[in-house]
Amino acid sequence: MAKKPVPLKARVTVLEMTAAPKTSMPIPANIQTAIIRATEVPLHFYRYLYRQVGKRWHWYDRLRLSDAELAAAIHNPRCSITILLVDGSPAGFYELNSTDDNVVELSYFGLFERALGLGIGKWFLTQALYSAWQNNPEKVTVTTNSLDHPRALQLYQMMGFSPVSTYEAEIVPMTSAELVKVLDS
């Protein structure tokens, strides 16, 4: 019988930005990139993107959703998913969700492992923020935690986000069998 995973403790930080970024980032040199907004992204492809970005950072929430729950979340008109291609292949994605109170949440953002270290993270985050501010919300929010990339909090603050709250949480990893079942569907 498979051993139940030990919950991981994480310090969660909620951040917000109340004005659009004032600076732009140049397109990375010597790398062929494309950013494509994906409408009605297939569930299996979304799970692939989510797992490729999130496996190092213990992202499990969306993997635990049923097909119906995931479709309701990502095919909602308030949800926008944008994919980064590097040299013609997926290399990252971000997801924005608009709320009733004129707030846009940067729900997910990240790069595939193969894209880390290419110098495109700040540029891609800037593109995500331009998209988030497109309809002039009152603010843009993002949540990160201590299990995320070691420089994630610093990067968000550098881009203009300010911490507004913190709390402790437990992240329960998925077993190998759970992951296989989800990713095989």
C-alpha atoms as a PDB file:
ATOM      1  CA  MET A   1       0.000   0.000   0.000  1.00  0.00           C
ATOM      2  CA  ALA A   2       1.319   3.437  -0.958  1.00  0.00           C
ATOM      3  CA  LYS A   3       2.400   5.663   1.867  1.00  0.00           C
ATOM      4  CA  LYS A   4       0.339   8.825   2.306  1.00  0.00           C
ATOM      5  CA  PRO A   5       2.403  11.947   1.477  1.00  0.00           C
ATOM      6  CA  VAL A   6       3.532  14.143   4.331  1.00  0.00           C
ATOM      7  CA  PRO A   7       1.929  17.613   4.170  1.00  0.00           C
ATOM      8  CA  LEU A   8       4.351  20.437   3.379  1.00  0.00           C
ATOM      9  CA  LYS A   9       4.222  23.628   5.424  1.00  0.00           C
ATOM     10  CA  ALA A  10       4.190  26.867   3.456  1.00  0.00           C
ATOM     11  CA  ARG A  11       4.118  30.550   4.270  1.00  0.00           C
ATOM     12  CA  VAL A  12       1.623  32.148   1.892  1.00  0.00           C
ATOM     13  CA  THR A  13       1.899  35.799   0.852  1.00  0.00           C
ATOM     14  CA  VAL A  14      -0.927  37.685  -0.845  1.00  0.00           C
ATOM     15  CA  LEU A  15       0.211  40.691  -2.861  1.00  0.00           C
ATOM     16  CA  GLU A  16      -1.556  43.420  -4.769  1.00  0.00           C
ATOM     17  CA  MET A  17      -0.677  46.039  -7.340  1.00  0.00           C
ATOM     18  CA  THR A  18      -2.771  49.205  -7.619  1.00  0.00           C
ATOM     19  CA  ALA A  19      -1.251  50.733 -10.759  1.00  0.00           C
ATOM     20  CA  ALA A  20      -0.130  49.325 -14.080  1.00  0.00           C
ATOM     21  CA  PRO A  21       3.603  48.782 -14.592  1.00  0.00           C
ATOM     22  CA  LYS A  22       5.427  51.874 -15.835  1.00  0.00           C
ATOM     23  CA  THR A  23       8.351  50.099 -17.435  1.00  0.00           C
ATOM     24  CA  SER A  24       8.624  47.661 -20.268  1.00  0.00           C
ATOM     25  CA  MET A  25      11.045  44.841 -20.823  1.00  0.00           C
ATOM     26  CA  PRO A  26      12.766  44.184 -24.136  1.00  0.00           C
ATOM     27  CA  ILE A  27      11.972  40.980 -25.965  1.00  0.00           C
ATOM     28  CA  PRO A  28      14.685  38.475 -25.065  1.00  0.00           C
ATOM     29  CA  ALA A  29      17.470  38.365 -27.644  1.00  0.00           C
ATOM     30  CA  ASN A  30      18.424  35.204 -29.538  1.00  0.00           C
ATOM     31  CA  ILE A  31      15.280  33.377 -28.440  1.00  0.00           C
ATOM     32  CA  GLN A  32      12.264  32.896 -30.661  1.00  0.00           C
ATOM     33  CA  THR A  33       9.164  33.547 -28.539  1.00  0.00           C
ATOM     34  CA  ALA A  34       5.427  33.754 -29.081  1.00  0.00           C
ATOM     35  CA  ILE A  35       2.623  34.460 -26.630  1.00  0.00           C
ATOM     36  CA  ILE A  36      -0.757  32.997 -27.496  1.00  0.00           C
ATOM     37  CA  ARG A  37      -4.035  33.420 -25.641  1.00  0.00           C
ATOM     38  CA  ALA A  38      -5.678  30.004 -25.519  1.00  0.00           C
ATOM     39  CA  THR A  39      -9.456  30.009 -25.677  1.00  0.00           C
ATOM     40  CA  GLU A  40     -11.238  26.796 -24.709  1.00  0.00           C
ATOM     41  CA  VAL A  41      -7.928  25.082 -23.937  1.00  0.00           C
ATOM     42  CA  PRO A  42      -8.397  21.282 -23.826  1.00  0.00           C
ATOM     43  CA  LEU A  43      -8.356  19.918 -20.280  1.00  0.00           C
ATOM     44  CA  HIS A  44      -5.508  17.473 -20.945  1.00  0.00           C
ATOM     45  CA  PHE A  45      -3.358  20.275 -22.393  1.00  0.00           C
ATOM     46  CA  TYR A  46      -4.113  22.570 -19.450  1.00  0.00           C
ATOM     47  CA  ARG A  47      -3.127  19.795 -17.032  1.00  0.00           C
ATOM     48  CA  TYR A  48       0.093  19.315 -19.001  1.00  0.00           C
ATOM     49  CA  LEU A  49       0.920  23.038 -18.785  1.00  0.00           C
ATOM     50  CA  TYR A  50      -0.010  23.168 -15.096  1.00  0.00           C
ATOM     51  CA  ARG A  51       2.090  20.114 -14.251  1.00  0.00           C
ATOM     52  CA  GLN A  52       5.116  21.199 -16.291  1.00  0.00           C
ATOM     53  CA  VAL A  53       5.198  24.593 -14.590  1.00  0.00           C
ATOM     54  CA  GLY A  54       4.040  23.521 -11.150  1.00  0.00           C
ATOM     55  CA  LYS A  55       5.726  20.190 -10.463  1.00  0.00           C
ATOM     56  CA  ARG A  56       8.797  21.814  -8.869  1.00  0.00           C
ATOM     57  CA  TRP A  57       6.652  24.191  -6.821  1.00  0.00           C
ATOM     58  CA  HIS A  58       4.068  21.700  -5.488  1.00  0.00           C
ATOM     59  CA  TRP A  59       1.050  22.813  -7.503  1.00  0.00           C
ATOM     60  CA  TYR A  60      -1.721  20.256  -6.946  1.00  0.00           C
ATOM     61  CA  ASP A  61      -5.011  22.158  -6.587  1.00  0.00           C
ATOM     62  CA  ARG A  62      -6.049  22.119 -10.238  1.00  0.00           C
ATOM     63  CA  LEU A  63      -4.870  18.524 -10.694  1.00  0.00           C
ATOM     64  CA  ARG A  64      -7.316  17.413  -8.015  1.00  0.00           C
ATOM     65  CA  LEU A  65     -10.309  18.863  -9.870  1.00  0.00           C
ATOM     66  CA  SER A  66     -12.658  16.625 -11.837  1.00  0.00           C
ATOM     67  CA  ASP A  67     -13.034  17.292 -15.552  1.00  0.00           C
ATOM     68  CA  ALA A  68     -16.289  19.160 -14.913  1.00  0.00           C
ATOM     69  CA  GLU A  69     -14.760  21.292 -12.140  1.00  0.00           C
ATOM     70  CA  LEU A  70     -11.657  22.099 -14.196  1.00  0.00           C
ATOM     71  CA  ALA A  71     -13.712  22.961 -17.290  1.00  0.00           C
ATOM     72  CA  ALA A  72     -15.926  25.260 -15.194  1.00  0.00           C
ATOM     73  CA  ALA A  73     -12.829  27.053 -13.891  1.00  0.00           C
ATOM     74  CA  ILE A  74     -10.762  27.439 -17.047  1.00  0.00           C
ATOM     75  CA  HIS A  75     -13.564  27.847 -19.598  1.00  0.00           C
ATOM     76  CA  ASN A  76     -15.239  30.550 -17.529  1.00  0.00           C
ATOM     77  CA  PRO A  77     -15.432  33.825 -19.509  1.00  0.00           C
ATOM     78  CA  ARG A  78     -13.685  35.577 -16.597  1.00  0.00           C
ATOM     79  CA  CYS A  79     -10.657  33.300 -17.011  1.00  0.00           C
ATOM     80  CA  SER A  80      -7.897  33.947 -19.509  1.00  0.00           C
ATOM     81  CA  ILE A  81      -5.049  31.509 -20.195  1.00  0.00           C
ATOM     82  CA  THR A  82      -2.012  32.581 -22.171  1.00  0.00           C
ATOM     83  CA  ILE A  83       0.759  30.251 -23.295  1.00  0.00           C
ATOM     84  CA  LEU A  84       4.407  31.102 -23.891  1.00  0.00           C
ATOM     85  CA  LEU A  85       6.174  29.319 -26.729  1.00  0.00           C
ATOM     86  CA  VAL A  86       9.966  29.276 -26.970  1.00  0.00           C
ATOM     87  CA  ASP A  87      11.439  28.016 -30.206  1.00  0.00           C
ATOM     88  CA  GLY A  88       8.006  26.686 -31.165  1.00  0.00           C
ATOM     89  CA  SER A  89       7.320  24.608 -28.033  1.00  0.00           C
ATOM     90  CA  PRO A  90       5.330  25.390 -24.860  1.00  0.00           C
ATOM     91  CA  ALA A  91       7.566  26.963 -22.235  1.00  0.00           C
ATOM     92  CA  GLY A  92       5.175  28.506 -19.713  1.00  0.00           C
ATOM     93  CA  PHE A  93       1.764  29.988 -19.115  1.00  0.00           C
ATOM     94  CA  TYR A  94      -0.189  32.441 -17.049  1.00  0.00           C
ATOM     95  CA  GLU A  95      -3.800  32.505 -15.987  1.00  0.00           C
ATOM     96  CA  LEU A  96      -5.784  35.619 -15.153  1.00  0.00           C
ATOM     97  CA  ASN A  97      -9.161  35.612 -13.413  1.00  0.00           C
ATOM     98  CA  SER A  98     -11.422  38.665 -13.149  1.00  0.00           C
ATOM     99  CA  THR A  99     -13.674  39.099 -10.132  1.00  0.00           C
ATOM    100  CA  ASP A 100     -16.952  40.935  -9.570  1.00  0.00           C
ATOM    101  CA  ASP A 101     -15.227  43.674  -7.599  1.00  0.00           C
ATOM    102  CA  ASN A 102     -13.046  44.889 -10.511  1.00  0.00           C
ATOM    103  CA  VAL A 103      -9.973  42.905  -9.439  1.00  0.00           C
ATOM    104  CA  VAL A 104      -7.826  40.728 -11.677  1.00  0.00           C
ATOM    105  CA  GLU A 105      -6.007  37.834 -10.061  1.00  0.00           C
ATOM    106  CA  LEU A 106      -2.822  36.481 -11.582  1.00  0.00           C
ATOM    107  CA  SER A 107      -3.873  32.994 -10.528  1.00  0.00           C
ATOM    108  CA  TYR A 108      -0.988  31.047 -12.066  1.00  0.00           C
ATOM    109  CA  PHE A 109       2.259  32.142 -13.653  1.00  0.00           C
ATOM    110  CA  GLY A 110       5.408  30.243 -14.455  1.00  0.00           C
ATOM    111  CA  LEU A 111       7.894  28.705 -16.815  1.00  0.00           C
ATOM    112  CA  PHE A 112       8.681  25.122 -17.705  1.00  0.00           C
ATOM    113  CA  GLU A 113      11.942  23.885 -16.211  1.00  0.00           C
ATOM    114  CA  ARG A 114      13.642  24.047 -19.632  1.00  0.00           C
ATOM    115  CA  ALA A 115      12.849  27.780 -19.843  1.00  0.00           C
ATOM    116  CA  LEU A 116      14.270  28.690 -16.433  1.00  0.00           C
ATOM    117  CA  GLY A 117      17.548  30.568 -16.731  1.00  0.00           C
ATOM    118  CA  LEU A 118      16.883  31.860 -20.261  1.00  0.00           C
ATOM    119  CA  GLY A 119      16.300  35.394 -18.985  1.00  0.00           C
ATOM    120  CA  ILE A 120      12.635  35.485 -20.019  1.00  0.00           C
ATOM    121  CA  GLY A 121      10.857  35.379 -16.649  1.00  0.00           C
ATOM    122  CA  LYS A 122      10.686  39.143 -16.032  1.00  0.00           C
ATOM    123  CA  TRP A 123       9.721  39.795 -19.639  1.00  0.00           C
ATOM    124  CA  PHE A 124       6.943  37.164 -19.546  1.00  0.00           C
ATOM    125  CA  LEU A 125       5.641  38.474 -16.212  1.00  0.00           C
ATOM    126  CA  THR A 126       5.558  41.986 -17.700  1.00  0.00           C
ATOM    127  CA  GLN A 127       3.441  40.655 -20.573  1.00  0.00           C
ATOM    128  CA  ALA A 128       1.086  39.026 -18.049  1.00  0.00           C
ATOM    129  CA  LEU A 129       0.762  42.312 -16.175  1.00  0.00           C
ATOM    130  CA  TYR A 130       0.059  44.287 -19.356  1.00  0.00           C
ATOM    131  CA  SER A 131      -2.726  41.809 -20.059  1.00  0.00           C
ATOM    132  CA  ALA A 132      -4.042  42.024 -16.475  1.00  0.00           C
ATOM    133  CA  TRP A 133      -4.267  45.832 -16.670  1.00  0.00           C
ATOM    134  CA  GLN A 134      -5.835  45.867 -20.142  1.00  0.00           C
ATOM    135  CA  ASN A 135      -9.348  46.668 -18.826  1.00  0.00           C
ATOM    136  CA  ASN A 136      -8.196  49.056 -16.064  1.00  0.00           C
ATOM    137  CA  PRO A 137      -9.099  47.066 -12.938  1.00  0.00           C
ATOM    138  CA  GLU A 138      -8.853  48.669  -9.513  1.00  0.00           C
ATOM    139  CA  LYS A 139      -6.029  46.288  -8.653  1.00  0.00           C
ATOM    140  CA  VAL A 140      -4.225  43.120  -9.666  1.00  0.00           C
ATOM    141  CA  THR A 141      -3.493  40.446  -7.061  1.00  0.00           C
ATOM    142  CA  VAL A 142      -1.172  37.455  -6.890  1.00  0.00           C
ATOM    143  CA  THR A 143      -0.529  34.834  -4.223  1.00  0.00           C
ATOM    144  CA  THR A 144       2.771  33.046  -3.733  1.00  0.00           C
ATOM    145  CA  ASN A 145       4.222  30.841  -1.040  1.00  0.00           C
ATOM    146  CA  SER A 146       7.522  29.672   0.383  1.00  0.00           C
ATOM    147  CA  LEU A 147       7.436  26.524  -1.788  1.00  0.00           C
ATOM    148  CA  ASP A 148       7.451  28.650  -4.964  1.00  0.00           C
ATOM    149  CA  HIS A 149      10.574  29.675  -6.902  1.00  0.00           C
ATOM    150  CA  PRO A 150      13.026  31.146  -4.356  1.00  0.00           C
ATOM    151  CA  ARG A 151      12.911  34.544  -6.092  1.00  0.00           C
ATOM    152  CA  ALA A 152       9.155  34.649  -6.823  1.00  0.00           C
ATOM    153  CA  LEU A 153       8.241  36.989  -3.955  1.00  0.00           C
ATOM    154  CA  GLN A 154      11.164  39.279  -4.765  1.00  0.00           C
ATOM    155  CA  LEU A 155      10.217  39.349  -8.465  1.00  0.00           C
ATOM    156  CA  TYR A 156       6.585  40.214  -7.744  1.00  0.00           C
ATOM    157  CA  GLN A 157       7.677  43.048  -5.465  1.00  0.00           C
ATOM    158  CA  MET A 158      10.181  44.296  -8.039  1.00  0.00           C
ATOM    159  CA  MET A 159       7.358  44.409 -10.608  1.00  0.00           C
ATOM    160  CA  GLY A 160       5.228  46.624  -8.325  1.00  0.00           C
ATOM    161  CA  PHE A 161       3.260  44.261  -6.088  1.00  0.00           C
ATOM    162  CA  SER A 162       3.060  44.935  -2.336  1.00  0.00           C
ATOM    163  CA  PRO A 163       2.351  42.282   0.305  1.00  0.00           C
ATOM    164  CA  VAL A 164      -1.048  42.734   1.975  1.00  0.00           C
ATOM    165  CA  SER A 165      -1.296  39.565   4.082  1.00  0.00           C
ATOM    166  CA  THR A 166       0.467  36.359   5.026  1.00  0.00           C
ATOM    167  CA  TYR A 167      -0.665  33.102   6.547  1.00  0.00           C
ATOM    168  CA  GLU A 168       0.525  29.551   7.104  1.00  0.00           C
ATOM    169  CA  ALA A 169      -0.826  26.672   5.013  1.00  0.00           C
ATOM    170  CA  GLU A 170      -0.267  22.990   4.394  1.00  0.00           C
ATOM    171  CA  ILE A 171       0.163  21.624   0.900  1.00  0.00           C
ATOM    172  CA  VAL A 172      -0.623  17.928   0.578  1.00  0.00           C
ATOM    173  CA  PRO A 173       1.390  16.357  -2.266  1.00  0.00           C
ATOM    174  CA  MET A 174      -0.240  13.856  -4.580  1.00  0.00           C
ATOM    175  CA  THR A 175       0.920  10.266  -4.601  1.00  0.00           C
ATOM    176  CA  SER A 176       2.466   8.876  -7.770  1.00  0.00           C
ATOM    177  CA  ALA A 177      -0.679   6.822  -8.325  1.00  0.00           C
ATOM    178  CA  GLU A 178      -2.879   9.949  -8.054  1.00  0.00           C
ATOM    179  CA  LEU A 179      -0.674  11.818 -10.520  1.00  0.00           C
ATOM    180  CA  VAL A 180      -0.692   8.959 -13.012  1.00  0.00           C
ATOM    181  CA  LYS A 181      -4.484   8.707 -12.801  1.00  0.00           C
ATOM    182  CA  VAL A 182      -4.953  12.450 -13.357  1.00  0.00           C
ATOM    183  CA  LEU A 183      -2.395  12.821 -16.122  1.00  0.00           C
ATOM    184  CA  ASP A 184      -3.607   9.688 -17.872  1.00  0.00           C
ATOM    185  CA  SER A 185      -7.154  11.002 -18.195  1.00  0.00           C
END
